[in-house]
Amino acid sequence: MLQIKRSKTEERLLEDCRKGDRKAQRDVYEKYSGLMFSVCRRYISEPEAAEDVLVCGFMKVFSKIDQFKSEGSFEGWVRRIMVNESLTYIRKNKSLYMQVEIENAEREPDYSQLSDHLEEEDLMKMINRLPAGYRTVFNLYAIEGFSHKEIAEQLGISENTSKSQLSRARAHLQKLLIEAERFMNDKLMSHEG
C-alpha cells in the first residue's frame, strides 16, 4: 500500500487533533481553510453559504479525524469532506435544479480558436457563472475526477442527466470563453488603432 511520508510536524499536528487539542485544530484550520474555501465556492456561489459549509466541513474533519488512517494525503481527505459537505448543502437547499431531459451532445466544443489570454482566475469566474446544476456536475467531473455513475449516485440523478449537464456546462463555458476572447480582441484592437 502506498504510504505518503509526512513531516514530523504534520504527524504531530494530526495526533494532537485526534486528542482534541484546540490549538492544533486552529493550526489545521488556518493551514487549509483558504484552499478549502475555494473548493466550497466552486459549488456554492454565495460566499456566506460557502463559509458556513466550510465551518461545518471542518467540524466534521475534527469529529472524524480518527477515520483518517494516514493512507493518502490529509489535504485530499479534507477536500473530499468539503466536496461532500457542499453537495449536502446543495441537496438540502434544493438550489440544484437539474434538468431531467436527455440531450444529445451536438458537438464537442472547439477550444482551438481561443488564445492563452485567460488566466486560471478568469476561468474560475466563468465556471462560477454557470447555472448551479451545470457547475456542480462540471466541478465533480472535470475537477474532482468523479465518473458519471458516481455523480449520479451523489446527486440522486441518472447517469444520462449527469452527461447532459456536463455537455451543457461545456457548451455554456465555450460561449463564455468566446465572448471573453472577443472582448480581449476588441480591447487589443482599440489600443492598436
N, C-alpha and C. Protein backbone atom coordinates (compact mmCIF):
# COMPACT_ATOMS: atom_id res chain seq x y z
N MET A 1 0.85 -1.19 0.00
CA MET A 1 0.00 0.00 0.00
C MET A 1 0.88 1.24 0.00
N LEU A 2 0.45 2.23 -0.73
CA LEU A 2 1.19 3.48 -0.83
C LEU A 2 1.10 4.26 0.47
N GLN A 3 2.21 4.59 1.04
CA GLN A 3 2.28 5.41 2.24
C GLN A 3 2.92 6.73 1.86
N ILE A 4 2.29 7.80 2.21
CA ILE A 4 2.85 9.12 1.92
C ILE A 4 3.63 9.57 3.14
N LYS A 5 4.86 9.96 2.91
CA LYS A 5 5.70 10.47 4.01
C LYS A 5 5.20 11.84 4.42
N ARG A 6 4.97 11.98 5.68
CA ARG A 6 4.55 13.26 6.23
C ARG A 6 5.67 13.80 7.09
N SER A 7 5.69 15.08 7.18
CA SER A 7 6.68 15.69 8.06
C SER A 7 6.29 15.36 9.50
N LYS A 8 7.27 15.38 10.36
CA LYS A 8 7.02 15.14 11.79
C LYS A 8 6.03 16.17 12.32
N THR A 9 6.13 17.39 11.81
CA THR A 9 5.25 18.45 12.26
C THR A 9 3.80 18.12 11.93
N GLU A 10 3.53 17.66 10.70
CA GLU A 10 2.17 17.33 10.32
C GLU A 10 1.66 16.13 11.10
N GLU A 11 2.49 15.11 11.27
CA GLU A 11 2.09 13.94 12.06
C GLU A 11 1.72 14.35 13.48
N ARG A 12 2.54 15.20 14.07
CA ARG A 12 2.29 15.66 15.44
C ARG A 12 1.00 16.48 15.50
N LEU A 13 0.80 17.33 14.51
CA LEU A 13 -0.40 18.15 14.44
C LEU A 13 -1.65 17.27 14.36
N LEU A 14 -1.61 16.25 13.51
CA LEU A 14 -2.76 15.35 13.38
C LEU A 14 -2.99 14.56 14.67
N GLU A 15 -1.92 14.13 15.29
CA GLU A 15 -2.04 13.41 16.56
C GLU A 15 -2.65 14.31 17.64
N ASP A 16 -2.23 15.55 17.69
CA ASP A 16 -2.80 16.49 18.66
C ASP A 16 -4.27 16.76 18.36
N CYS A 17 -4.63 16.82 17.08
CA CYS A 17 -6.04 17.00 16.72
C CYS A 17 -6.86 15.79 17.17
N ARG A 18 -6.30 14.60 17.03
CA ARG A 18 -7.00 13.39 17.48
C ARG A 18 -7.27 13.44 18.98
N LYS A 19 -6.41 14.13 19.72
CA LYS A 19 -6.57 14.27 21.18
C LYS A 19 -7.50 15.43 21.54
N GLY A 20 -7.99 16.15 20.53
CA GLY A 20 -8.91 17.26 20.78
C GLY A 20 -8.23 18.57 21.14
N ASP A 21 -6.94 18.69 20.85
CA ASP A 21 -6.18 19.90 21.15
C ASP A 21 -6.69 21.05 20.27
N ARG A 22 -7.25 22.08 20.90
CA ARG A 22 -7.85 23.22 20.19
C ARG A 22 -6.82 24.01 19.39
N LYS A 23 -5.61 24.17 19.91
CA LYS A 23 -4.58 24.91 19.19
C LYS A 23 -4.20 24.17 17.90
N ALA A 24 -4.07 22.86 18.00
CA ALA A 24 -3.74 22.06 16.82
C ALA A 24 -4.87 22.15 15.79
N GLN A 25 -6.11 22.12 16.26
CA GLN A 25 -7.25 22.25 15.34
C GLN A 25 -7.24 23.62 14.66
N ARG A 26 -6.93 24.66 15.42
CA ARG A 26 -6.85 26.00 14.83
C ARG A 26 -5.73 26.06 13.79
N ASP A 27 -4.60 25.42 14.09
CA ASP A 27 -3.48 25.40 13.14
C ASP A 27 -3.87 24.70 11.84
N VAL A 28 -4.58 23.57 11.96
CA VAL A 28 -5.04 22.85 10.77
C VAL A 28 -6.02 23.72 9.99
N TYR A 29 -6.94 24.36 10.71
CA TYR A 29 -7.91 25.23 10.06
C TYR A 29 -7.20 26.36 9.30
N GLU A 30 -6.26 27.00 9.96
CA GLU A 30 -5.53 28.10 9.32
C GLU A 30 -4.72 27.63 8.11
N LYS A 31 -4.19 26.44 8.19
CA LYS A 31 -3.38 25.92 7.09
C LYS A 31 -4.23 25.60 5.85
N TYR A 32 -5.42 25.04 6.07
CA TYR A 32 -6.20 24.53 4.95
C TYR A 32 -7.45 25.34 4.61
N SER A 33 -7.87 26.27 5.45
CA SER A 33 -9.16 26.94 5.23
C SER A 33 -9.22 27.74 3.93
N GLY A 34 -8.15 28.40 3.54
CA GLY A 34 -8.17 29.17 2.30
C GLY A 34 -8.42 28.30 1.09
N LEU A 35 -7.67 27.23 0.99
CA LEU A 35 -7.82 26.30 -0.12
C LEU A 35 -9.19 25.64 -0.10
N MET A 36 -9.64 25.23 1.08
CA MET A 36 -10.92 24.54 1.18
C MET A 36 -12.10 25.49 0.95
N PHE A 37 -11.92 26.76 1.28
CA PHE A 37 -12.97 27.73 0.98
C PHE A 37 -13.15 27.83 -0.53
N SER A 38 -12.05 27.83 -1.27
CA SER A 38 -12.17 27.90 -2.73
C SER A 38 -12.83 26.63 -3.29
N VAL A 39 -12.61 25.48 -2.64
CA VAL A 39 -13.30 24.26 -3.05
C VAL A 39 -14.81 24.44 -2.85
N CYS A 40 -15.21 24.93 -1.68
CA CYS A 40 -16.63 25.14 -1.39
C CYS A 40 -17.24 26.15 -2.36
N ARG A 41 -16.50 27.20 -2.68
CA ARG A 41 -17.00 28.25 -3.59
C ARG A 41 -17.21 27.72 -5.01
N ARG A 42 -16.50 26.68 -5.39
CA ARG A 42 -16.72 26.11 -6.72
C ARG A 42 -18.12 25.53 -6.83
N TYR A 43 -18.69 25.12 -5.72
CA TYR A 43 -20.02 24.52 -5.72
C TYR A 43 -21.12 25.49 -5.27
N ILE A 44 -20.76 26.42 -4.40
CA ILE A 44 -21.75 27.30 -3.79
C ILE A 44 -21.37 28.74 -4.11
N SER A 45 -22.22 29.43 -4.84
CA SER A 45 -21.84 30.76 -5.32
C SER A 45 -21.92 31.84 -4.24
N GLU A 46 -22.76 31.68 -3.24
CA GLU A 46 -22.89 32.70 -2.20
C GLU A 46 -21.76 32.53 -1.18
N PRO A 47 -20.91 33.55 -0.99
CA PRO A 47 -19.76 33.44 -0.08
C PRO A 47 -20.14 33.07 1.36
N GLU A 48 -21.24 33.64 1.86
CA GLU A 48 -21.63 33.36 3.25
C GLU A 48 -22.02 31.90 3.40
N ALA A 49 -22.76 31.37 2.44
CA ALA A 49 -23.17 29.98 2.49
C ALA A 49 -21.95 29.06 2.36
N ALA A 50 -21.01 29.43 1.48
CA ALA A 50 -19.80 28.63 1.32
C ALA A 50 -18.99 28.61 2.62
N GLU A 51 -18.97 29.74 3.32
CA GLU A 51 -18.25 29.81 4.58
C GLU A 51 -18.92 28.93 5.64
N ASP A 52 -20.25 28.91 5.65
CA ASP A 52 -20.97 28.03 6.57
C ASP A 52 -20.63 26.57 6.29
N VAL A 53 -20.60 26.21 5.01
CA VAL A 53 -20.26 24.84 4.62
C VAL A 53 -18.82 24.52 5.04
N LEU A 54 -17.92 25.48 4.88
CA LEU A 54 -16.54 25.31 5.28
C LEU A 54 -16.44 24.99 6.77
N VAL A 55 -17.14 25.77 7.58
CA VAL A 55 -17.10 25.56 9.02
C VAL A 55 -17.68 24.19 9.38
N CYS A 56 -18.82 23.84 8.79
CA CYS A 56 -19.40 22.51 9.04
C CYS A 56 -18.45 21.41 8.60
N GLY A 57 -17.78 21.65 7.47
CA GLY A 57 -16.81 20.67 6.98
C GLY A 57 -15.67 20.46 7.95
N PHE A 58 -15.14 21.54 8.50
CA PHE A 58 -14.05 21.41 9.47
C PHE A 58 -14.53 20.76 10.77
N MET A 59 -15.77 21.03 11.15
CA MET A 59 -16.31 20.35 12.34
C MET A 59 -16.32 18.83 12.09
N LYS A 60 -16.68 18.44 10.87
CA LYS A 60 -16.69 17.03 10.52
C LYS A 60 -15.26 16.48 10.47
N VAL A 61 -14.33 17.27 9.92
CA VAL A 61 -12.92 16.85 9.88
C VAL A 61 -12.45 16.50 11.30
N PHE A 62 -12.72 17.39 12.25
CA PHE A 62 -12.22 17.18 13.61
C PHE A 62 -12.98 16.09 14.35
N SER A 63 -14.27 15.92 14.05
CA SER A 63 -15.02 14.87 14.73
C SER A 63 -14.72 13.49 14.17
N LYS A 64 -14.25 13.43 12.93
CA LYS A 64 -13.98 12.15 12.28
C LYS A 64 -12.49 11.93 11.99
N ILE A 65 -11.64 12.72 12.62
CA ILE A 65 -10.21 12.65 12.31
C ILE A 65 -9.61 11.27 12.62
N ASP A 66 -10.24 10.54 13.53
CA ASP A 66 -9.77 9.17 13.82
C ASP A 66 -9.94 8.26 12.61
N GLN A 67 -10.83 8.61 11.69
CA GLN A 67 -11.04 7.80 10.49
C GLN A 67 -9.95 8.01 9.44
N PHE A 68 -9.18 9.07 9.59
CA PHE A 68 -8.07 9.29 8.65
C PHE A 68 -6.92 8.38 9.08
N LYS A 69 -6.59 7.44 8.22
CA LYS A 69 -5.60 6.41 8.57
C LYS A 69 -4.22 6.68 8.00
N SER A 70 -3.96 7.91 7.60
CA SER A 70 -2.66 8.30 7.05
C SER A 70 -2.30 7.53 5.78
N GLU A 71 -3.32 7.06 5.07
CA GLU A 71 -3.11 6.43 3.76
C GLU A 71 -3.58 7.45 2.72
N GLY A 72 -2.66 8.06 2.05
CA GLY A 72 -3.01 9.13 1.13
C GLY A 72 -2.78 10.47 1.81
N SER A 73 -3.14 11.52 1.12
CA SER A 73 -2.85 12.84 1.67
C SER A 73 -3.98 13.32 2.57
N PHE A 74 -3.59 13.98 3.63
CA PHE A 74 -4.56 14.57 4.56
C PHE A 74 -5.36 15.65 3.83
N GLU A 75 -4.67 16.45 3.04
CA GLU A 75 -5.34 17.51 2.28
C GLU A 75 -6.42 16.92 1.38
N GLY A 76 -6.12 15.80 0.72
CA GLY A 76 -7.11 15.14 -0.15
C GLY A 76 -8.31 14.64 0.65
N TRP A 77 -8.05 14.13 1.83
CA TRP A 77 -9.12 13.64 2.71
C TRP A 77 -10.02 14.81 3.12
N VAL A 78 -9.41 15.93 3.50
CA VAL A 78 -10.17 17.11 3.90
C VAL A 78 -10.97 17.63 2.69
N ARG A 79 -10.36 17.66 1.52
CA ARG A 79 -11.03 18.12 0.29
C ARG A 79 -12.28 17.29 0.03
N ARG A 80 -12.15 15.98 0.18
CA ARG A 80 -13.30 15.09 -0.07
C ARG A 80 -14.45 15.43 0.88
N ILE A 81 -14.12 15.71 2.14
CA ILE A 81 -15.14 16.10 3.11
C ILE A 81 -15.81 17.40 2.68
N MET A 82 -15.02 18.36 2.22
CA MET A 82 -15.58 19.65 1.80
C MET A 82 -16.50 19.50 0.58
N VAL A 83 -16.10 18.66 -0.37
CA VAL A 83 -16.94 18.40 -1.54
C VAL A 83 -18.25 17.77 -1.08
N ASN A 84 -18.16 16.77 -0.21
CA ASN A 84 -19.38 16.10 0.26
C ASN A 84 -20.27 17.05 1.05
N GLU A 85 -19.68 17.91 1.87
CA GLU A 85 -20.48 18.89 2.62
C GLU A 85 -21.14 19.88 1.66
N SER A 86 -20.44 20.28 0.62
CA SER A 86 -21.01 21.19 -0.38
C SER A 86 -22.21 20.53 -1.07
N LEU A 87 -22.06 19.26 -1.43
CA LEU A 87 -23.16 18.55 -2.08
C LEU A 87 -24.34 18.38 -1.14
N THR A 88 -24.07 18.13 0.13
CA THR A 88 -25.14 18.02 1.13
C THR A 88 -25.90 19.34 1.22
N TYR A 89 -25.16 20.44 1.24
CA TYR A 89 -25.79 21.76 1.29
C TYR A 89 -26.69 21.97 0.07
N ILE A 90 -26.19 21.62 -1.10
CA ILE A 90 -26.95 21.80 -2.33
C ILE A 90 -28.24 20.98 -2.28
N ARG A 91 -28.13 19.71 -1.85
CA ARG A 91 -29.31 18.86 -1.77
C ARG A 91 -30.32 19.41 -0.75
N LYS A 92 -29.84 19.83 0.42
CA LYS A 92 -30.74 20.33 1.48
C LYS A 92 -31.43 21.62 1.07
N ASN A 93 -30.76 22.45 0.32
CA ASN A 93 -31.33 23.74 -0.05
C ASN A 93 -31.99 23.73 -1.42
N LYS A 94 -32.02 22.59 -2.01
CA LYS A 94 -32.68 22.43 -3.31
C LYS A 94 -32.27 23.52 -4.29
N SER A 95 -31.03 23.97 -4.19
CA SER A 95 -30.57 25.00 -5.10
C SER A 95 -29.96 24.40 -6.36
N LEU A 96 -30.06 23.09 -6.44
CA LEU A 96 -29.52 22.41 -7.63
C LEU A 96 -30.70 21.98 -8.47
N TYR A 97 -30.95 22.71 -9.52
CA TYR A 97 -32.08 22.39 -10.38
C TYR A 97 -31.56 21.66 -11.60
N MET A 98 -31.59 20.35 -11.51
CA MET A 98 -31.11 19.54 -12.62
C MET A 98 -32.20 19.45 -13.68
N GLN A 99 -31.81 19.59 -14.88
CA GLN A 99 -32.76 19.41 -15.97
C GLN A 99 -32.76 17.93 -16.30
N VAL A 100 -33.93 17.36 -16.41
CA VAL A 100 -34.04 15.93 -16.50
C VAL A 100 -33.96 15.40 -17.93
N GLU A 101 -34.33 16.21 -18.90
CA GLU A 101 -34.34 15.69 -20.25
C GLU A 101 -32.92 15.34 -20.71
N ILE A 102 -32.86 14.35 -21.56
CA ILE A 102 -31.57 13.88 -22.06
C ILE A 102 -31.28 14.63 -23.35
N GLU A 103 -30.07 15.17 -23.41
CA GLU A 103 -29.68 15.96 -24.58
C GLU A 103 -28.54 15.24 -25.27
N ASN A 104 -28.65 15.14 -26.57
CA ASN A 104 -27.51 14.61 -27.32
C ASN A 104 -26.50 15.74 -27.46
N ALA A 105 -25.27 15.43 -27.17
CA ALA A 105 -24.24 16.45 -27.33
C ALA A 105 -24.13 16.75 -28.81
N GLU A 106 -24.40 18.00 -29.17
CA GLU A 106 -24.37 18.37 -30.57
C GLU A 106 -22.97 18.23 -31.14
N ARG A 107 -22.01 18.69 -30.36
CA ARG A 107 -20.62 18.58 -30.78
C ARG A 107 -19.73 18.88 -29.59
N GLU A 108 -18.54 18.41 -29.66
CA GLU A 108 -17.56 18.73 -28.62
C GLU A 108 -17.11 20.16 -28.86
N PRO A 109 -17.04 20.99 -27.82
CA PRO A 109 -16.60 22.37 -28.00
C PRO A 109 -15.23 22.45 -28.67
N ASP A 110 -15.06 23.44 -29.53
CA ASP A 110 -13.79 23.64 -30.21
C ASP A 110 -13.02 24.75 -29.50
N TYR A 111 -12.07 24.35 -28.67
CA TYR A 111 -11.31 25.32 -27.90
C TYR A 111 -10.09 25.84 -28.66
N SER A 112 -9.84 25.30 -29.86
CA SER A 112 -8.63 25.67 -30.60
C SER A 112 -8.66 27.13 -31.03
N GLN A 113 -9.85 27.72 -31.12
CA GLN A 113 -9.93 29.10 -31.57
C GLN A 113 -9.67 30.11 -30.46
N LEU A 114 -9.48 29.63 -29.26
CA LEU A 114 -9.27 30.53 -28.13
C LEU A 114 -7.78 30.70 -27.86
N SER A 115 -7.41 31.87 -27.42
CA SER A 115 -5.99 32.12 -27.15
C SER A 115 -5.67 31.87 -25.70
N ASP A 116 -4.46 32.18 -25.33
CA ASP A 116 -3.99 31.95 -23.97
C ASP A 116 -4.14 33.19 -23.09
N HIS A 117 -4.98 34.13 -23.47
CA HIS A 117 -5.12 35.37 -22.70
C HIS A 117 -5.75 35.17 -21.33
N LEU A 118 -6.53 34.11 -21.20
CA LEU A 118 -7.27 33.94 -19.96
C LEU A 118 -6.40 33.30 -18.88
N GLU A 119 -6.53 33.79 -17.69
CA GLU A 119 -5.83 33.25 -16.53
C GLU A 119 -6.76 32.27 -15.83
N GLU A 120 -6.18 31.46 -14.94
CA GLU A 120 -6.97 30.49 -14.19
C GLU A 120 -8.10 31.17 -13.42
N GLU A 121 -7.81 32.32 -12.84
CA GLU A 121 -8.81 33.06 -12.07
C GLU A 121 -10.01 33.43 -12.95
N ASP A 122 -9.73 33.85 -14.20
CA ASP A 122 -10.81 34.19 -15.13
C ASP A 122 -11.67 32.97 -15.44
N LEU A 123 -11.01 31.84 -15.64
CA LEU A 123 -11.74 30.61 -15.93
C LEU A 123 -12.61 30.21 -14.74
N MET A 124 -12.10 30.33 -13.52
CA MET A 124 -12.88 30.00 -12.34
C MET A 124 -14.09 30.94 -12.22
N LYS A 125 -13.93 32.19 -12.57
CA LYS A 125 -15.07 33.12 -12.55
C LYS A 125 -16.13 32.68 -13.54
N MET A 126 -15.69 32.20 -14.70
CA MET A 126 -16.65 31.71 -15.70
C MET A 126 -17.37 30.47 -15.19
N ILE A 127 -16.64 29.58 -14.56
CA ILE A 127 -17.26 28.37 -14.01
C ILE A 127 -18.30 28.77 -12.96
N ASN A 128 -17.98 29.77 -12.15
CA ASN A 128 -18.92 30.22 -11.12
C ASN A 128 -20.16 30.87 -11.72
N ARG A 129 -20.09 31.31 -12.97
CA ARG A 129 -21.25 31.91 -13.63
C ARG A 129 -22.20 30.86 -14.21
N LEU A 130 -21.78 29.61 -14.22
CA LEU A 130 -22.64 28.55 -14.74
C LEU A 130 -23.84 28.37 -13.82
N PRO A 131 -24.99 27.96 -14.37
CA PRO A 131 -26.11 27.60 -13.50
C PRO A 131 -25.68 26.50 -12.53
N ALA A 132 -26.33 26.45 -11.36
CA ALA A 132 -25.90 25.56 -10.27
C ALA A 132 -25.74 24.10 -10.71
N GLY A 133 -26.70 23.57 -11.45
CA GLY A 133 -26.62 22.17 -11.88
C GLY A 133 -25.43 21.91 -12.78
N TYR A 134 -25.23 22.78 -13.77
CA TYR A 134 -24.10 22.65 -14.67
C TYR A 134 -22.79 22.74 -13.89
N ARG A 135 -22.70 23.75 -13.03
CA ARG A 135 -21.46 23.98 -12.27
C ARG A 135 -21.12 22.79 -11.38
N THR A 136 -22.12 22.24 -10.73
CA THR A 136 -21.86 21.11 -9.82
C THR A 136 -21.34 19.90 -10.58
N VAL A 137 -22.02 19.54 -11.66
CA VAL A 137 -21.58 18.38 -12.44
C VAL A 137 -20.21 18.65 -13.07
N PHE A 138 -20.00 19.85 -13.60
CA PHE A 138 -18.70 20.18 -14.20
C PHE A 138 -17.58 20.04 -13.17
N ASN A 139 -17.78 20.61 -11.98
CA ASN A 139 -16.76 20.51 -10.93
C ASN A 139 -16.49 19.06 -10.54
N LEU A 140 -17.55 18.30 -10.33
CA LEU A 140 -17.37 16.90 -9.92
C LEU A 140 -16.64 16.09 -10.99
N TYR A 141 -17.00 16.32 -12.25
CA TYR A 141 -16.41 15.54 -13.34
C TYR A 141 -15.02 16.05 -13.73
N ALA A 142 -14.93 17.33 -14.06
CA ALA A 142 -13.69 17.87 -14.64
C ALA A 142 -12.63 18.18 -13.60
N ILE A 143 -13.04 18.58 -12.41
CA ILE A 143 -12.06 19.00 -11.42
C ILE A 143 -11.80 17.92 -10.38
N GLU A 144 -12.87 17.30 -9.86
CA GLU A 144 -12.70 16.28 -8.81
C GLU A 144 -12.45 14.89 -9.37
N GLY A 145 -12.78 14.66 -10.65
CA GLY A 145 -12.50 13.38 -11.28
C GLY A 145 -13.53 12.29 -11.02
N PHE A 146 -14.75 12.67 -10.64
CA PHE A 146 -15.80 11.68 -10.43
C PHE A 146 -16.26 11.14 -11.79
N SER A 147 -16.73 9.89 -11.81
CA SER A 147 -17.34 9.34 -13.02
C SER A 147 -18.81 9.77 -13.05
N HIS A 148 -19.46 9.59 -14.20
CA HIS A 148 -20.88 9.96 -14.28
C HIS A 148 -21.71 9.07 -13.34
N LYS A 149 -21.30 7.83 -13.18
CA LYS A 149 -22.00 6.94 -12.26
C LYS A 149 -21.91 7.48 -10.82
N GLU A 150 -20.71 7.89 -10.42
CA GLU A 150 -20.52 8.44 -9.07
C GLU A 150 -21.30 9.74 -8.88
N ILE A 151 -21.30 10.58 -9.91
CA ILE A 151 -22.05 11.84 -9.84
C ILE A 151 -23.54 11.55 -9.68
N ALA A 152 -24.03 10.61 -10.47
CA ALA A 152 -25.45 10.25 -10.40
C ALA A 152 -25.81 9.77 -8.99
N GLU A 153 -24.95 8.95 -8.40
CA GLU A 153 -25.21 8.46 -7.04
C GLU A 153 -25.17 9.59 -6.02
N GLN A 154 -24.19 10.48 -6.14
CA GLN A 154 -24.05 11.60 -5.20
C GLN A 154 -25.23 12.55 -5.25
N LEU A 155 -25.73 12.81 -6.46
CA LEU A 155 -26.76 13.83 -6.64
C LEU A 155 -28.17 13.28 -6.77
N GLY A 156 -28.29 11.96 -6.84
CA GLY A 156 -29.62 11.37 -6.98
C GLY A 156 -30.24 11.64 -8.34
N ILE A 157 -29.42 11.58 -9.38
CA ILE A 157 -29.89 11.80 -10.75
C ILE A 157 -29.43 10.61 -11.59
N SER A 158 -29.88 10.54 -12.83
CA SER A 158 -29.43 9.46 -13.71
C SER A 158 -28.06 9.80 -14.31
N GLU A 159 -27.37 8.77 -14.78
CA GLU A 159 -26.08 9.00 -15.45
C GLU A 159 -26.28 9.85 -16.69
N ASN A 160 -27.38 9.64 -17.41
CA ASN A 160 -27.64 10.43 -18.62
C ASN A 160 -27.87 11.90 -18.28
N THR A 161 -28.51 12.17 -17.16
CA THR A 161 -28.69 13.56 -16.75
C THR A 161 -27.33 14.18 -16.44
N SER A 162 -26.47 13.41 -15.78
CA SER A 162 -25.12 13.91 -15.49
C SER A 162 -24.38 14.24 -16.79
N LYS A 163 -24.45 13.34 -17.74
CA LYS A 163 -23.78 13.56 -19.03
C LYS A 163 -24.36 14.79 -19.74
N SER A 164 -25.68 14.93 -19.68
CA SER A 164 -26.34 16.07 -20.30
C SER A 164 -25.90 17.38 -19.64
N GLN A 165 -25.87 17.39 -18.32
CA GLN A 165 -25.46 18.59 -17.59
C GLN A 165 -24.01 18.96 -17.93
N LEU A 166 -23.14 17.96 -18.03
CA LEU A 166 -21.75 18.22 -18.39
C LEU A 166 -21.66 18.80 -19.80
N SER A 167 -22.40 18.21 -20.72
CA SER A 167 -22.39 18.70 -22.09
C SER A 167 -22.86 20.16 -22.16
N ARG A 168 -23.92 20.46 -21.43
CA ARG A 168 -24.44 21.82 -21.41
C ARG A 168 -23.47 22.78 -20.74
N ALA A 169 -22.82 22.31 -19.67
CA ALA A 169 -21.83 23.15 -18.99
C ALA A 169 -20.69 23.48 -19.94
N ARG A 170 -20.22 22.49 -20.67
CA ARG A 170 -19.13 22.73 -21.63
C ARG A 170 -19.54 23.72 -22.71
N ALA A 171 -20.76 23.54 -23.23
CA ALA A 171 -21.23 24.45 -24.27
C ALA A 171 -21.36 25.88 -23.72
N HIS A 172 -21.87 25.99 -22.50
CA HIS A 172 -22.02 27.31 -21.87
C HIS A 172 -20.65 27.95 -21.63
N LEU A 173 -19.70 27.14 -21.16
CA LEU A 173 -18.34 27.65 -20.95
C LEU A 173 -17.71 28.09 -22.27
N GLN A 174 -17.94 27.30 -23.31
CA GLN A 174 -17.39 27.68 -24.61
C GLN A 174 -17.93 29.03 -25.04
N LYS A 175 -19.22 29.23 -24.84
CA LYS A 175 -19.83 30.52 -25.19
C LYS A 175 -19.19 31.65 -24.38
N LEU A 176 -19.01 31.43 -23.09
CA LEU A 176 -18.38 32.46 -22.24
C LEU A 176 -16.94 32.71 -22.66
N LEU A 177 -16.22 31.65 -23.01
CA LEU A 177 -14.82 31.80 -23.44
C LEU A 177 -14.72 32.58 -24.75
N ILE A 178 -15.63 32.30 -25.66
CA ILE A 178 -15.62 33.02 -26.94
C ILE A 178 -15.94 34.49 -26.72
N GLU A 179 -16.92 34.77 -25.83
CA GLU A 179 -17.23 36.16 -25.50
C GLU A 179 -16.02 36.87 -24.90
N ALA A 180 -15.32 36.19 -24.01
CA ALA A 180 -14.12 36.77 -23.38
C ALA A 180 -13.04 37.02 -24.43
N GLU A 181 -12.90 36.09 -25.35
CA GLU A 181 -11.91 36.24 -26.42
C GLU A 181 -12.24 37.44 -27.30
N ARG A 182 -13.51 37.58 -27.63
CA ARG A 182 -13.91 38.74 -28.44
C ARG A 182 -13.62 40.04 -27.70
N PHE A 183 -13.94 40.05 -26.42
CA PHE A 183 -13.69 41.24 -25.60
C PHE A 183 -12.20 41.58 -25.60
N MET A 184 -11.36 40.57 -25.42
CA MET A 184 -9.90 40.79 -25.40
C MET A 184 -9.42 41.29 -26.75
N ASN A 185 -9.93 40.70 -27.84
CA ASN A 185 -9.53 41.13 -29.18
C ASN A 185 -9.97 42.56 -29.45
N ASP A 186 -11.21 42.90 -29.06
CA ASP A 186 -11.70 44.28 -29.24
C ASP A 186 -10.84 45.26 -28.45
N LYS A 187 -10.47 44.87 -27.25
CA LYS A 187 -9.65 45.72 -26.40
C LYS A 187 -8.27 45.94 -27.04
N LEU A 188 -7.69 44.86 -27.58
CA LEU A 188 -6.39 44.97 -28.25
C LEU A 188 -6.49 45.85 -29.50
N MET A 189 -7.58 45.68 -30.27
CA MET A 189 -7.74 46.45 -31.49
C MET A 189 -7.90 47.94 -31.19
N SER A 190 -8.62 48.25 -30.08
CA SER A 190 -8.83 49.67 -29.76
C SER A 190 -7.53 50.32 -29.31
N HIS A 191 -6.63 49.55 -28.72
CA HIS A 191 -5.34 50.10 -28.31
C HIS A 191 -4.39 50.26 -29.50
N GLU A 192 -4.54 49.40 -30.50
CA GLU A 192 -3.66 49.47 -31.67
C GLU A 192 -4.12 50.59 -32.62
N GLY A 193 -5.41 50.83 -32.65
CA GLY A 193 -5.96 51.79 -33.62
C GLY A 193 -6.04 53.15 -33.08
